[in-house]
Amino acid sequence: MRLLLIRHGQTPSNVDGILDAGYPGPGLTALGRAQAEAVPEALRDEDIAAIHVSRLVRTHETAAPLAAARGLSPFLTEGLEEISAGQYEQRRDREAVEAYQQNHARWSAGEFTEGVPGGETGDQFWARYTGALRHIAALHAADATVAVVSHGAAIRVFAAVVAGLEAACLDERPLFNTGMVTLTGHPDEGWVLEEWLSTPLGGEHLLQGTAHDVTADQEAEAAV
């Protein structure tokens, strides 16, 4: 199977640096909608068999243009959601942002310790995310290409672990809105990293408002 793990388009929380992993979450900004509208053309050469989204609104809005262009109805797949911010939910101060990012880095190195206070553990995240991908694999042919619209920290942690990347390399591998990580393989057999596209699928002209996007980049700054 070939997985196109696509981060959702920009939200107001991304612009404002707010840790916002809860349900249902915000919708897209005007730029986020433009990023989503650019996805179908960017993926015109991909033979996409299906599209899967998380429970959060922003993934549905991001997937909509691609789904319309391909005549597909996205599958809502629980488990693809963002890594929990726990007690730091809706905060954007330095303490909260640094704790969330440090947790992200530890898990990316395969250190599935406890998460942030009140949040899920690394093992819980891994079980739900890999469980979601196992469910997806069971629905489609072994050679299918499947688009999965998910979330920045979740995609980065999962891809870093399965590809055997060093946690430090995440500073060199941001994942901005509508960036994409492509993996080939199977949940029960392992994955190979094919491509890590940090910038929006539609092009770098859609890369704006990233200074406080704390789930895209380990170097993003707290807003306050």
N, C-alpha and C. Protein backbone atom coordinates (compact mmCIF):
# COMPACT_ATOMS: atom_id res chain seq x y z
N MET A 1 0.83 -1.19 0.00
CA MET A 1 0.00 0.00 0.00
C MET A 1 0.87 1.24 0.00
N ARG A 2 0.34 2.27 -0.62
CA ARG A 2 1.02 3.56 -0.67
C ARG A 2 0.15 4.57 0.07
N LEU A 3 0.72 5.19 1.11
CA LEU A 3 -0.01 6.16 1.92
C LEU A 3 0.47 7.56 1.61
N LEU A 4 -0.47 8.44 1.27
CA LEU A 4 -0.18 9.86 1.12
C LEU A 4 -0.71 10.54 2.38
N LEU A 5 0.16 10.75 3.35
CA LEU A 5 -0.23 11.36 4.62
C LEU A 5 -0.16 12.88 4.46
N ILE A 6 -1.31 13.51 4.36
CA ILE A 6 -1.40 14.94 4.06
C ILE A 6 -1.84 15.70 5.31
N ARG A 7 -1.07 16.69 5.68
CA ARG A 7 -1.51 17.53 6.79
C ARG A 7 -2.63 18.45 6.31
N HIS A 8 -3.58 18.72 7.19
CA HIS A 8 -4.71 19.60 6.85
C HIS A 8 -4.25 21.01 6.51
N GLY A 9 -5.14 21.81 5.95
CA GLY A 9 -4.85 23.20 5.63
C GLY A 9 -4.80 24.08 6.88
N GLN A 10 -4.37 25.29 6.67
CA GLN A 10 -4.17 26.22 7.79
C GLN A 10 -5.48 26.53 8.53
N THR A 11 -5.38 26.61 9.85
CA THR A 11 -6.50 27.00 10.71
C THR A 11 -6.13 28.26 11.48
N PRO A 12 -7.11 28.95 12.07
CA PRO A 12 -6.78 30.11 12.90
C PRO A 12 -5.85 29.75 14.06
N SER A 13 -6.00 28.56 14.61
CA SER A 13 -5.14 28.13 15.72
C SER A 13 -3.69 27.98 15.29
N ASN A 14 -3.46 27.56 14.03
CA ASN A 14 -2.09 27.47 13.51
C ASN A 14 -1.46 28.86 13.43
N VAL A 15 -2.24 29.83 13.00
CA VAL A 15 -1.73 31.20 12.87
C VAL A 15 -1.42 31.79 14.24
N ASP A 16 -2.29 31.52 15.21
CA ASP A 16 -2.17 32.12 16.54
C ASP A 16 -1.29 31.32 17.49
N GLY A 17 -0.82 30.15 17.07
CA GLY A 17 0.05 29.34 17.91
C GLY A 17 -0.66 28.65 19.05
N ILE A 18 -1.94 28.35 18.87
CA ILE A 18 -2.74 27.73 19.92
C ILE A 18 -2.66 26.20 19.80
N LEU A 19 -2.42 25.53 20.91
CA LEU A 19 -2.47 24.07 20.94
C LEU A 19 -3.94 23.67 20.93
N ASP A 20 -4.38 23.12 19.81
CA ASP A 20 -5.81 22.91 19.58
C ASP A 20 -6.02 21.54 18.96
N ALA A 21 -6.04 20.52 19.82
CA ALA A 21 -6.17 19.14 19.33
C ALA A 21 -7.55 18.55 19.60
N GLY A 22 -8.43 19.30 20.24
CA GLY A 22 -9.72 18.77 20.65
C GLY A 22 -10.74 18.70 19.53
N TYR A 23 -11.81 17.96 19.81
CA TYR A 23 -12.92 17.79 18.87
C TYR A 23 -13.96 18.89 19.11
N PRO A 24 -14.57 19.47 18.07
CA PRO A 24 -14.38 19.19 16.64
C PRO A 24 -13.25 19.99 16.00
N GLY A 25 -12.73 20.96 16.74
CA GLY A 25 -11.64 21.77 16.23
C GLY A 25 -12.10 22.83 15.25
N PRO A 26 -11.22 23.77 14.91
CA PRO A 26 -11.57 24.86 14.01
C PRO A 26 -11.61 24.42 12.55
N GLY A 27 -12.26 25.24 11.75
CA GLY A 27 -12.20 25.06 10.30
C GLY A 27 -10.99 25.76 9.72
N LEU A 28 -10.95 25.87 8.41
CA LEU A 28 -9.80 26.44 7.72
C LEU A 28 -9.91 27.95 7.59
N THR A 29 -8.76 28.60 7.53
CA THR A 29 -8.69 30.01 7.17
C THR A 29 -8.89 30.15 5.66
N ALA A 30 -8.93 31.39 5.19
CA ALA A 30 -9.01 31.62 3.74
C ALA A 30 -7.79 31.00 3.05
N LEU A 31 -6.61 31.16 3.65
CA LEU A 31 -5.42 30.54 3.08
C LEU A 31 -5.53 29.02 3.15
N GLY A 32 -6.05 28.49 4.24
CA GLY A 32 -6.23 27.04 4.35
C GLY A 32 -7.12 26.49 3.25
N ARG A 33 -8.16 27.24 2.92
CA ARG A 33 -9.05 26.80 1.83
C ARG A 33 -8.33 26.85 0.49
N ALA A 34 -7.49 27.87 0.30
CA ALA A 34 -6.70 27.94 -0.94
C ALA A 34 -5.71 26.78 -1.01
N GLN A 35 -5.11 26.44 0.12
CA GLN A 35 -4.20 25.29 0.16
C GLN A 35 -4.94 24.01 -0.23
N ALA A 36 -6.14 23.83 0.32
CA ALA A 36 -6.92 22.64 0.02
C ALA A 36 -7.33 22.60 -1.45
N GLU A 37 -7.70 23.75 -2.00
CA GLU A 37 -8.12 23.82 -3.41
C GLU A 37 -6.97 23.47 -4.35
N ALA A 38 -5.74 23.65 -3.90
CA ALA A 38 -4.58 23.37 -4.75
C ALA A 38 -4.18 21.90 -4.74
N VAL A 39 -4.71 21.12 -3.80
CA VAL A 39 -4.30 19.73 -3.66
C VAL A 39 -4.66 18.87 -4.89
N PRO A 40 -5.88 18.97 -5.44
CA PRO A 40 -6.21 18.10 -6.58
C PRO A 40 -5.25 18.23 -7.76
N GLU A 41 -4.89 19.44 -8.11
CA GLU A 41 -3.98 19.62 -9.23
C GLU A 41 -2.58 19.09 -8.89
N ALA A 42 -2.16 19.31 -7.66
CA ALA A 42 -0.83 18.84 -7.25
C ALA A 42 -0.74 17.32 -7.28
N LEU A 43 -1.87 16.64 -7.05
CA LEU A 43 -1.88 15.17 -7.02
C LEU A 43 -2.51 14.58 -8.29
N ARG A 44 -2.53 15.34 -9.36
CA ARG A 44 -3.21 14.90 -10.58
C ARG A 44 -2.65 13.60 -11.14
N ASP A 45 -1.39 13.31 -10.89
CA ASP A 45 -0.77 12.10 -11.44
C ASP A 45 -0.89 10.89 -10.51
N GLU A 46 -1.50 11.08 -9.35
CA GLU A 46 -1.65 9.98 -8.40
C GLU A 46 -2.97 9.24 -8.65
N ASP A 47 -2.90 7.92 -8.70
CA ASP A 47 -4.09 7.09 -8.86
C ASP A 47 -4.64 6.77 -7.47
N ILE A 48 -5.45 7.67 -6.95
CA ILE A 48 -5.91 7.57 -5.56
C ILE A 48 -7.19 6.74 -5.49
N ALA A 49 -7.12 5.67 -4.71
CA ALA A 49 -8.25 4.75 -4.59
C ALA A 49 -9.26 5.22 -3.55
N ALA A 50 -8.81 5.93 -2.54
CA ALA A 50 -9.69 6.34 -1.44
C ALA A 50 -9.07 7.48 -0.68
N ILE A 51 -9.92 8.18 0.07
CA ILE A 51 -9.49 9.29 0.93
C ILE A 51 -10.03 9.02 2.32
N HIS A 52 -9.17 9.15 3.32
CA HIS A 52 -9.58 8.98 4.71
C HIS A 52 -9.28 10.26 5.48
N VAL A 53 -10.16 10.60 6.42
CA VAL A 53 -10.01 11.81 7.24
C VAL A 53 -10.20 11.46 8.70
N SER A 54 -9.73 12.34 9.58
CA SER A 54 -9.94 12.17 11.02
C SER A 54 -11.33 12.71 11.38
N ARG A 55 -11.64 12.70 12.67
CA ARG A 55 -12.92 13.22 13.13
C ARG A 55 -12.97 14.75 13.13
N LEU A 56 -11.82 15.41 13.00
CA LEU A 56 -11.77 16.85 13.18
C LEU A 56 -12.13 17.59 11.89
N VAL A 57 -12.84 18.69 12.05
CA VAL A 57 -13.43 19.42 10.94
C VAL A 57 -12.40 19.80 9.88
N ARG A 58 -11.23 20.21 10.32
CA ARG A 58 -10.24 20.73 9.36
C ARG A 58 -9.78 19.68 8.36
N THR A 59 -9.80 18.41 8.72
CA THR A 59 -9.41 17.39 7.74
C THR A 59 -10.51 17.19 6.70
N HIS A 60 -11.76 17.31 7.13
CA HIS A 60 -12.88 17.18 6.18
C HIS A 60 -12.84 18.31 5.16
N GLU A 61 -12.61 19.53 5.64
CA GLU A 61 -12.58 20.68 4.73
C GLU A 61 -11.38 20.61 3.79
N THR A 62 -10.27 20.08 4.27
CA THR A 62 -9.08 19.94 3.41
C THR A 62 -9.30 18.89 2.34
N ALA A 63 -9.95 17.79 2.70
CA ALA A 63 -10.16 16.69 1.76
C ALA A 63 -11.23 16.99 0.72
N ALA A 64 -12.13 17.93 0.99
CA ALA A 64 -13.29 18.14 0.14
C ALA A 64 -12.95 18.42 -1.33
N PRO A 65 -12.01 19.33 -1.64
CA PRO A 65 -11.72 19.57 -3.06
C PRO A 65 -11.17 18.33 -3.77
N LEU A 66 -10.30 17.59 -3.12
CA LEU A 66 -9.76 16.38 -3.73
C LEU A 66 -10.85 15.34 -3.93
N ALA A 67 -11.72 15.20 -2.94
CA ALA A 67 -12.83 14.25 -3.06
C ALA A 67 -13.75 14.62 -4.21
N ALA A 68 -14.05 15.90 -4.35
CA ALA A 68 -14.92 16.35 -5.43
C ALA A 68 -14.28 16.10 -6.79
N ALA A 69 -12.99 16.38 -6.89
CA ALA A 69 -12.28 16.20 -8.16
C ALA A 69 -12.21 14.74 -8.58
N ARG A 70 -12.16 13.83 -7.60
CA ARG A 70 -12.03 12.40 -7.90
C ARG A 70 -13.35 11.64 -7.82
N GLY A 71 -14.43 12.31 -7.42
CA GLY A 71 -15.70 11.63 -7.28
C GLY A 71 -15.69 10.61 -6.16
N LEU A 72 -14.98 10.91 -5.08
CA LEU A 72 -14.87 10.00 -3.95
C LEU A 72 -15.53 10.59 -2.71
N SER A 73 -16.04 9.74 -1.85
CA SER A 73 -16.57 10.16 -0.56
C SER A 73 -15.55 9.78 0.51
N PRO A 74 -15.00 10.75 1.22
CA PRO A 74 -13.99 10.42 2.23
C PRO A 74 -14.53 9.51 3.33
N PHE A 75 -13.70 8.60 3.78
CA PHE A 75 -14.01 7.75 4.93
C PHE A 75 -13.60 8.47 6.20
N LEU A 76 -14.49 8.56 7.18
CA LEU A 76 -14.11 9.08 8.49
C LEU A 76 -13.50 7.92 9.28
N THR A 77 -12.25 8.06 9.65
CA THR A 77 -11.53 6.98 10.33
C THR A 77 -11.01 7.47 11.68
N GLU A 78 -11.61 6.98 12.74
CA GLU A 78 -11.18 7.36 14.08
C GLU A 78 -9.76 6.85 14.34
N GLY A 79 -8.99 7.65 15.04
CA GLY A 79 -7.61 7.29 15.36
C GLY A 79 -6.59 8.12 14.63
N LEU A 80 -7.02 8.87 13.61
CA LEU A 80 -6.11 9.70 12.82
C LEU A 80 -5.94 11.09 13.40
N GLU A 81 -6.53 11.35 14.57
CA GLU A 81 -6.54 12.68 15.14
C GLU A 81 -5.15 13.13 15.63
N GLU A 82 -5.07 14.42 15.97
CA GLU A 82 -3.82 15.01 16.45
C GLU A 82 -3.44 14.46 17.82
N ILE A 83 -2.16 14.54 18.14
CA ILE A 83 -1.68 14.15 19.46
C ILE A 83 -2.30 15.07 20.51
N SER A 84 -2.82 14.49 21.56
CA SER A 84 -3.52 15.24 22.60
C SER A 84 -2.61 16.28 23.26
N ALA A 85 -3.17 17.46 23.50
CA ALA A 85 -2.45 18.51 24.22
C ALA A 85 -2.75 18.48 25.72
N GLY A 86 -3.65 17.61 26.15
CA GLY A 86 -3.95 17.45 27.57
C GLY A 86 -4.30 18.76 28.24
N GLN A 87 -3.65 19.03 29.37
CA GLN A 87 -3.94 20.24 30.12
C GLN A 87 -3.45 21.50 29.42
N TYR A 88 -2.66 21.35 28.36
CA TYR A 88 -2.19 22.51 27.62
C TYR A 88 -3.14 22.90 26.48
N GLU A 89 -4.22 22.19 26.33
CA GLU A 89 -5.19 22.49 25.27
C GLU A 89 -5.64 23.95 25.35
N GLN A 90 -5.63 24.61 24.19
CA GLN A 90 -6.02 26.01 24.01
C GLN A 90 -5.02 27.01 24.59
N ARG A 91 -3.84 26.54 24.96
CA ARG A 91 -2.79 27.46 25.43
C ARG A 91 -1.80 27.75 24.30
N ARG A 92 -1.08 28.87 24.43
CA ARG A 92 -0.08 29.22 23.43
C ARG A 92 1.16 29.86 24.06
N ASP A 93 1.28 29.74 25.39
CA ASP A 93 2.42 30.29 26.09
C ASP A 93 3.64 29.39 25.93
N ARG A 94 4.80 29.92 26.27
CA ARG A 94 6.06 29.21 26.05
C ARG A 94 6.11 27.87 26.80
N GLU A 95 5.66 27.86 28.05
CA GLU A 95 5.70 26.62 28.82
C GLU A 95 4.92 25.51 28.13
N ALA A 96 3.72 25.82 27.69
CA ALA A 96 2.87 24.82 27.06
C ALA A 96 3.45 24.35 25.73
N VAL A 97 3.87 25.30 24.89
CA VAL A 97 4.38 24.97 23.57
C VAL A 97 5.65 24.13 23.67
N GLU A 98 6.57 24.52 24.54
CA GLU A 98 7.82 23.77 24.67
C GLU A 98 7.56 22.37 25.21
N ALA A 99 6.65 22.22 26.15
CA ALA A 99 6.35 20.90 26.69
C ALA A 99 5.75 20.00 25.61
N TYR A 100 4.88 20.55 24.80
CA TYR A 100 4.25 19.78 23.72
C TYR A 100 5.28 19.37 22.69
N GLN A 101 6.14 20.30 22.30
CA GLN A 101 7.15 20.00 21.29
C GLN A 101 8.20 19.02 21.80
N GLN A 102 8.57 19.14 23.06
CA GLN A 102 9.55 18.21 23.62
C GLN A 102 8.97 16.80 23.69
N ASN A 103 7.70 16.71 24.02
CA ASN A 103 7.04 15.41 24.03
C ASN A 103 7.03 14.80 22.63
N HIS A 104 6.73 15.62 21.66
CA HIS A 104 6.74 15.23 20.25
C HIS A 104 8.11 14.68 19.86
N ALA A 105 9.17 15.37 20.27
CA ALA A 105 10.53 14.94 19.93
C ALA A 105 10.87 13.60 20.58
N ARG A 106 10.49 13.41 21.84
CA ARG A 106 10.77 12.14 22.53
C ARG A 106 10.08 10.98 21.82
N TRP A 107 8.82 11.16 21.51
CA TRP A 107 8.10 10.09 20.84
C TRP A 107 8.68 9.81 19.46
N SER A 108 9.13 10.85 18.77
CA SER A 108 9.70 10.67 17.43
C SER A 108 10.95 9.81 17.47
N ALA A 109 11.63 9.81 18.63
CA ALA A 109 12.81 8.97 18.80
C ALA A 109 12.44 7.58 19.29
N GLY A 110 11.15 7.30 19.38
CA GLY A 110 10.69 5.99 19.82
C GLY A 110 10.61 5.84 21.32
N GLU A 111 10.78 6.95 22.04
CA GLU A 111 10.68 6.92 23.50
C GLU A 111 9.22 7.17 23.89
N PHE A 112 8.43 6.12 23.90
CA PHE A 112 6.99 6.27 24.14
C PHE A 112 6.68 6.39 25.63
N THR A 113 7.13 7.52 26.17
CA THR A 113 6.92 7.83 27.57
C THR A 113 5.52 8.38 27.77
N GLU A 114 5.24 8.81 28.98
CA GLU A 114 3.98 9.50 29.22
C GLU A 114 3.94 10.77 28.38
N GLY A 115 2.74 11.23 28.09
CA GLY A 115 2.59 12.44 27.31
C GLY A 115 2.58 13.67 28.19
N VAL A 116 2.04 14.76 27.67
CA VAL A 116 1.90 15.97 28.46
C VAL A 116 0.85 15.73 29.54
N PRO A 117 0.85 16.51 30.62
CA PRO A 117 -0.13 16.30 31.69
C PRO A 117 -1.56 16.27 31.17
N GLY A 118 -2.28 15.21 31.53
CA GLY A 118 -3.66 15.08 31.09
C GLY A 118 -3.83 14.55 29.69
N GLY A 119 -2.74 14.28 28.99
CA GLY A 119 -2.81 13.80 27.61
C GLY A 119 -2.58 12.31 27.51
N GLU A 120 -2.60 11.80 26.30
CA GLU A 120 -2.38 10.38 26.07
C GLU A 120 -0.91 10.03 26.19
N THR A 121 -0.63 8.78 26.49
CA THR A 121 0.76 8.30 26.52
C THR A 121 1.21 8.00 25.09
N GLY A 122 2.51 7.82 24.94
CA GLY A 122 3.04 7.45 23.63
C GLY A 122 2.46 6.13 23.14
N ASP A 123 2.34 5.17 24.05
CA ASP A 123 1.78 3.87 23.67
C ASP A 123 0.32 4.00 23.22
N GLN A 124 -0.44 4.86 23.89
CA GLN A 124 -1.83 5.06 23.49
C GLN A 124 -1.92 5.70 22.11
N PHE A 125 -1.08 6.72 21.88
CA PHE A 125 -1.06 7.33 20.55
C PHE A 125 -0.71 6.30 19.49
N TRP A 126 0.35 5.54 19.74
CA TRP A 126 0.82 4.58 18.75
C TRP A 126 -0.26 3.53 18.45
N ALA A 127 -0.94 3.07 19.47
CA ALA A 127 -1.97 2.06 19.28
C ALA A 127 -3.13 2.59 18.44
N ARG A 128 -3.55 3.82 18.72
CA ARG A 128 -4.70 4.33 17.96
C ARG A 128 -4.33 4.68 16.53
N TYR A 129 -3.13 5.25 16.33
CA TYR A 129 -2.75 5.67 14.97
C TYR A 129 -2.46 4.46 14.09
N THR A 130 -1.70 3.52 14.61
CA THR A 130 -1.43 2.31 13.82
C THR A 130 -2.70 1.49 13.64
N GLY A 131 -3.58 1.53 14.64
CA GLY A 131 -4.86 0.84 14.49
C GLY A 131 -5.69 1.43 13.37
N ALA A 132 -5.69 2.76 13.25
CA ALA A 132 -6.42 3.41 12.16
C ALA A 132 -5.84 3.01 10.81
N LEU A 133 -4.53 2.96 10.70
CA LEU A 133 -3.91 2.58 9.42
C LEU A 133 -4.13 1.10 9.11
N ARG A 134 -4.19 0.27 10.15
CA ARG A 134 -4.50 -1.14 9.93
C ARG A 134 -5.92 -1.30 9.40
N HIS A 135 -6.83 -0.50 9.94
CA HIS A 135 -8.21 -0.50 9.46
C HIS A 135 -8.26 -0.07 7.99
N ILE A 136 -7.52 0.97 7.64
CA ILE A 136 -7.48 1.45 6.26
C ILE A 136 -6.93 0.36 5.33
N ALA A 137 -5.86 -0.28 5.75
CA ALA A 137 -5.25 -1.33 4.92
C ALA A 137 -6.21 -2.47 4.67
N ALA A 138 -7.06 -2.76 5.64
CA ALA A 138 -8.01 -3.87 5.49
C ALA A 138 -9.11 -3.55 4.49
N LEU A 139 -9.33 -2.27 4.23
CA LEU A 139 -10.42 -1.87 3.34
C LEU A 139 -10.02 -1.82 1.87
N HIS A 140 -8.72 -1.76 1.60
CA HIS A 140 -8.26 -1.48 0.23
C HIS A 140 -7.24 -2.51 -0.25
N ALA A 141 -7.07 -2.55 -1.55
CA ALA A 141 -6.13 -3.50 -2.16
C ALA A 141 -4.71 -3.22 -1.69
N ALA A 142 -3.91 -4.26 -1.69
CA ALA A 142 -2.53 -4.15 -1.20
C ALA A 142 -1.70 -3.17 -2.01
N ASP A 143 -2.04 -2.97 -3.28
CA ASP A 143 -1.27 -2.05 -4.12
C ASP A 143 -1.96 -0.68 -4.29
N ALA A 144 -2.96 -0.40 -3.47
CA ALA A 144 -3.71 0.84 -3.60
C ALA A 144 -2.91 2.04 -3.09
N THR A 145 -3.18 3.20 -3.67
CA THR A 145 -2.69 4.47 -3.16
C THR A 145 -3.84 5.16 -2.43
N VAL A 146 -3.63 5.48 -1.17
CA VAL A 146 -4.69 6.03 -0.33
C VAL A 146 -4.23 7.37 0.24
N ALA A 147 -5.07 8.39 0.10
CA ALA A 147 -4.80 9.70 0.70
C ALA A 147 -5.39 9.73 2.09
N VAL A 148 -4.58 10.11 3.07
CA VAL A 148 -5.00 10.20 4.46
C VAL A 148 -4.76 11.63 4.93
N VAL A 149 -5.83 12.36 5.20
CA VAL A 149 -5.69 13.73 5.68
C VAL A 149 -5.71 13.71 7.20
N SER A 150 -4.58 14.08 7.79
CA SER A 150 -4.41 13.95 9.23
C SER A 150 -3.78 15.23 9.77
N HIS A 151 -2.90 15.13 10.77
CA HIS A 151 -2.45 16.27 11.55
C HIS A 151 -0.93 16.30 11.69
N GLY A 152 -0.40 17.52 11.87
CA GLY A 152 1.04 17.74 11.80
C GLY A 152 1.88 16.92 12.76
N ALA A 153 1.63 17.04 14.05
CA ALA A 153 2.45 16.31 15.01
C ALA A 153 2.27 14.82 14.87
N ALA A 154 1.04 14.38 14.65
CA ALA A 154 0.77 12.94 14.53
C ALA A 154 1.50 12.34 13.34
N ILE A 155 1.44 13.00 12.19
CA ILE A 155 2.12 12.49 11.00
C ILE A 155 3.63 12.48 11.22
N ARG A 156 4.16 13.55 11.79
CA ARG A 156 5.61 13.66 11.95
C ARG A 156 6.14 12.58 12.89
N VAL A 157 5.44 12.36 14.00
CA VAL A 157 5.89 11.34 14.95
C VAL A 157 5.82 9.96 14.30
N PHE A 158 4.68 9.65 13.69
CA PHE A 158 4.52 8.33 13.09
C PHE A 158 5.57 8.09 12.01
N ALA A 159 5.73 9.05 11.10
CA ALA A 159 6.67 8.86 9.99
C ALA A 159 8.11 8.78 10.48
N ALA A 160 8.46 9.59 11.48
CA ALA A 160 9.83 9.56 12.00
C ALA A 160 10.16 8.20 12.59
N VAL A 161 9.20 7.62 13.32
CA VAL A 161 9.45 6.32 13.96
C VAL A 161 9.54 5.21 12.93
N VAL A 162 8.56 5.12 12.02
CA VAL A 162 8.56 3.99 11.09
C VAL A 162 9.69 4.09 10.09
N ALA A 163 10.17 5.31 9.81
CA ALA A 163 11.28 5.48 8.86
C ALA A 163 12.63 5.40 9.55
N GLY A 164 12.64 5.27 10.88
CA GLY A 164 13.91 5.17 11.60
C GLY A 164 14.72 6.44 11.58
N LEU A 165 14.05 7.59 11.57
CA LEU A 165 14.75 8.87 11.55
C LEU A 165 15.15 9.26 12.97
N GLU A 166 16.21 10.02 13.09
CA GLU A 166 16.61 10.55 14.39
C GLU A 166 15.69 11.70 14.77
N ALA A 167 15.38 11.80 16.05
CA ALA A 167 14.49 12.87 16.51
C ALA A 167 15.02 14.25 16.13
N ALA A 168 16.35 14.42 16.18
CA ALA A 168 16.94 15.72 15.87
C ALA A 168 16.65 16.15 14.44
N CYS A 169 16.42 15.19 13.57
CA CYS A 169 16.19 15.53 12.16
C CYS A 169 14.86 16.24 11.96
N LEU A 170 13.99 16.22 12.97
CA LEU A 170 12.71 16.90 12.81
C LEU A 170 12.89 18.40 12.64
N ASP A 171 13.98 18.94 13.15
CA ASP A 171 14.27 20.35 12.91
C ASP A 171 14.47 20.62 11.43
N GLU A 172 14.89 19.59 10.71
CA GLU A 172 15.13 19.73 9.28
C GLU A 172 13.95 19.21 8.45
N ARG A 173 12.92 18.68 9.12
CA ARG A 173 11.77 18.11 8.41
C ARG A 173 10.47 18.67 8.98
N PRO A 174 10.21 19.95 8.77
CA PRO A 174 8.91 20.47 9.18
C PRO A 174 7.81 19.88 8.30
N LEU A 175 6.57 20.08 8.69
CA LEU A 175 5.44 19.66 7.88
C LEU A 175 4.39 20.75 7.96
N PHE A 176 4.48 21.68 7.03
CA PHE A 176 3.56 22.80 7.02
C PHE A 176 2.20 22.37 6.45
N ASN A 177 1.23 23.24 6.58
CA ASN A 177 -0.13 22.89 6.15
C ASN A 177 -0.18 22.44 4.70
N THR A 178 -0.82 21.30 4.48
CA THR A 178 -0.93 20.55 3.22
C THR A 178 0.43 20.06 2.72
N GLY A 179 1.42 19.98 3.62
CA GLY A 179 2.61 19.19 3.31
C GLY A 179 2.23 17.71 3.31
N MET A 180 3.10 16.86 2.78
CA MET A 180 2.74 15.45 2.62
C MET A 180 3.93 14.53 2.84
N VAL A 181 3.69 13.46 3.57
CA VAL A 181 4.67 12.39 3.74
C VAL A 181 4.13 11.15 3.04
N THR A 182 4.92 10.57 2.15
CA THR A 182 4.50 9.39 1.41
C THR A 182 5.25 8.16 1.93
N LEU A 183 4.48 7.14 2.30
CA LEU A 183 5.04 5.89 2.81
C LEU A 183 4.53 4.73 1.97
N THR A 184 5.35 3.72 1.80
CA THR A 184 4.92 2.49 1.15
C THR A 184 5.14 1.33 2.11
N GLY A 185 4.22 0.37 2.07
CA GLY A 185 4.35 -0.79 2.96
C GLY A 185 3.01 -1.25 3.47
N HIS A 186 3.00 -1.72 4.71
CA HIS A 186 1.78 -2.26 5.33
C HIS A 186 1.94 -2.17 6.84
N PRO A 187 0.85 -1.91 7.59
CA PRO A 187 0.97 -1.79 9.05
C PRO A 187 1.59 -3.00 9.73
N ASP A 188 1.42 -4.18 9.16
CA ASP A 188 1.95 -5.39 9.78
C ASP A 188 3.32 -5.80 9.25
N GLU A 189 3.80 -5.09 8.23
CA GLU A 189 5.07 -5.47 7.61
C GLU A 189 6.10 -4.35 7.62
N GLY A 190 5.70 -3.17 8.03
CA GLY A 190 6.61 -2.04 8.08
C GLY A 190 6.41 -1.07 6.92
N TRP A 191 7.01 0.11 7.06
CA TRP A 191 6.85 1.17 6.08
C TRP A 191 8.21 1.69 5.61
N VAL A 192 8.25 2.16 4.38
CA VAL A 192 9.43 2.79 3.81
C VAL A 192 9.07 4.23 3.46
N LEU A 193 9.91 5.16 3.85
CA LEU A 193 9.68 6.56 3.53
C LEU A 193 10.03 6.81 2.07
N GLU A 194 9.06 7.20 1.29
CA GLU A 194 9.27 7.50 -0.13
C GLU A 194 9.59 8.98 -0.34
N GLU A 195 8.85 9.85 0.37
CA GLU A 195 9.05 11.30 0.18
C GLU A 195 8.52 12.04 1.40
N TRP A 196 9.20 13.13 1.75
CA TRP A 196 8.73 14.03 2.81
C TRP A 196 8.70 15.43 2.21
N LEU A 197 7.52 15.88 1.87
CA LEU A 197 7.35 17.19 1.26
C LEU A 197 6.88 18.16 2.34
N SER A 198 7.77 19.01 2.80
CA SER A 198 7.46 19.90 3.92
C SER A 198 6.50 21.01 3.56
N THR A 199 6.59 21.52 2.35
CA THR A 199 5.83 22.70 1.95
C THR A 199 4.47 22.31 1.38
N PRO A 200 3.53 23.25 1.27
CA PRO A 200 2.21 22.93 0.75
C PRO A 200 2.26 22.27 -0.62
N LEU A 201 1.37 21.31 -0.84
CA LEU A 201 1.34 20.60 -2.11
C LEU A 201 1.17 21.55 -3.29
N GLY A 202 0.46 22.63 -3.09
CA GLY A 202 0.21 23.56 -4.18
C GLY A 202 1.36 24.49 -4.50
N GLY A 203 2.41 24.48 -3.68
CA GLY A 203 3.56 25.33 -3.96
C GLY A 203 3.90 26.25 -2.80
N GLU A 204 5.12 26.77 -2.81
CA GLU A 204 5.61 27.58 -1.70
C GLU A 204 4.90 28.92 -1.59
N HIS A 205 4.20 29.36 -2.63
CA HIS A 205 3.45 30.61 -2.52
C HIS A 205 2.31 30.48 -1.51
N LEU A 206 1.96 29.25 -1.15
CA LEU A 206 0.91 29.01 -0.16
C LEU A 206 1.47 28.84 1.25
N LEU A 207 2.75 29.09 1.41
CA LEU A 207 3.41 28.96 2.71
C LEU A 207 3.45 30.32 3.38
N GLN A 208 2.47 30.58 4.23
CA GLN A 208 2.36 31.87 4.92
C GLN A 208 1.87 31.64 6.34
N GLY A 209 2.17 32.58 7.23
CA GLY A 209 1.65 32.54 8.58
C GLY A 209 2.12 31.36 9.40
N THR A 210 3.41 31.00 9.28
CA THR A 210 3.91 29.79 9.93
C THR A 210 4.73 30.05 11.19
N ALA A 211 4.93 31.30 11.56
CA ALA A 211 5.85 31.62 12.66
C ALA A 211 5.47 30.94 13.97
N HIS A 212 4.15 30.77 14.20
CA HIS A 212 3.69 30.19 15.47
C HIS A 212 2.98 28.86 15.27
N ASP A 213 3.23 28.22 14.14
CA ASP A 213 2.58 26.94 13.85
C ASP A 213 3.34 25.83 14.57
N VAL A 214 2.99 25.60 15.81
CA VAL A 214 3.82 24.79 16.71
C VAL A 214 3.74 23.30 16.44
N THR A 215 2.79 22.83 15.66
CA THR A 215 2.78 21.40 15.31
C THR A 215 3.44 21.13 13.97
N ALA A 216 3.87 22.19 13.28
CA ALA A 216 4.53 22.02 11.99
C ALA A 216 6.04 21.92 12.12
N ASP A 217 6.58 22.61 13.11
CA ASP A 217 8.02 22.85 13.12
C ASP A 217 8.50 22.97 14.56
N GLN A 218 9.54 22.21 14.92
CA GLN A 218 10.08 22.27 16.28
C GLN A 218 10.63 23.66 16.61
N GLU A 219 10.93 24.46 15.59
CA GLU A 219 11.51 25.77 15.83
C GLU A 219 10.46 26.88 15.88
N ALA A 220 9.19 26.54 15.69
CA ALA A 220 8.13 27.54 15.78
C ALA A 220 8.08 28.10 17.19
N GLU A 221 7.76 29.37 17.31
CA GLU A 221 7.81 30.06 18.60
C GLU A 221 6.43 30.15 19.24
N ALA A 222 6.44 30.17 20.57
CA ALA A 222 5.21 30.44 21.30
C ALA A 222 4.73 31.84 20.93
N ALA A 223 3.41 32.02 20.89
CA ALA A 223 2.85 33.30 20.47
C ALA A 223 2.94 34.35 21.57
N VAL A 224 2.93 33.92 22.82
CA VAL A 224 3.01 34.88 23.93
C VAL A 224 3.95 34.31 24.99
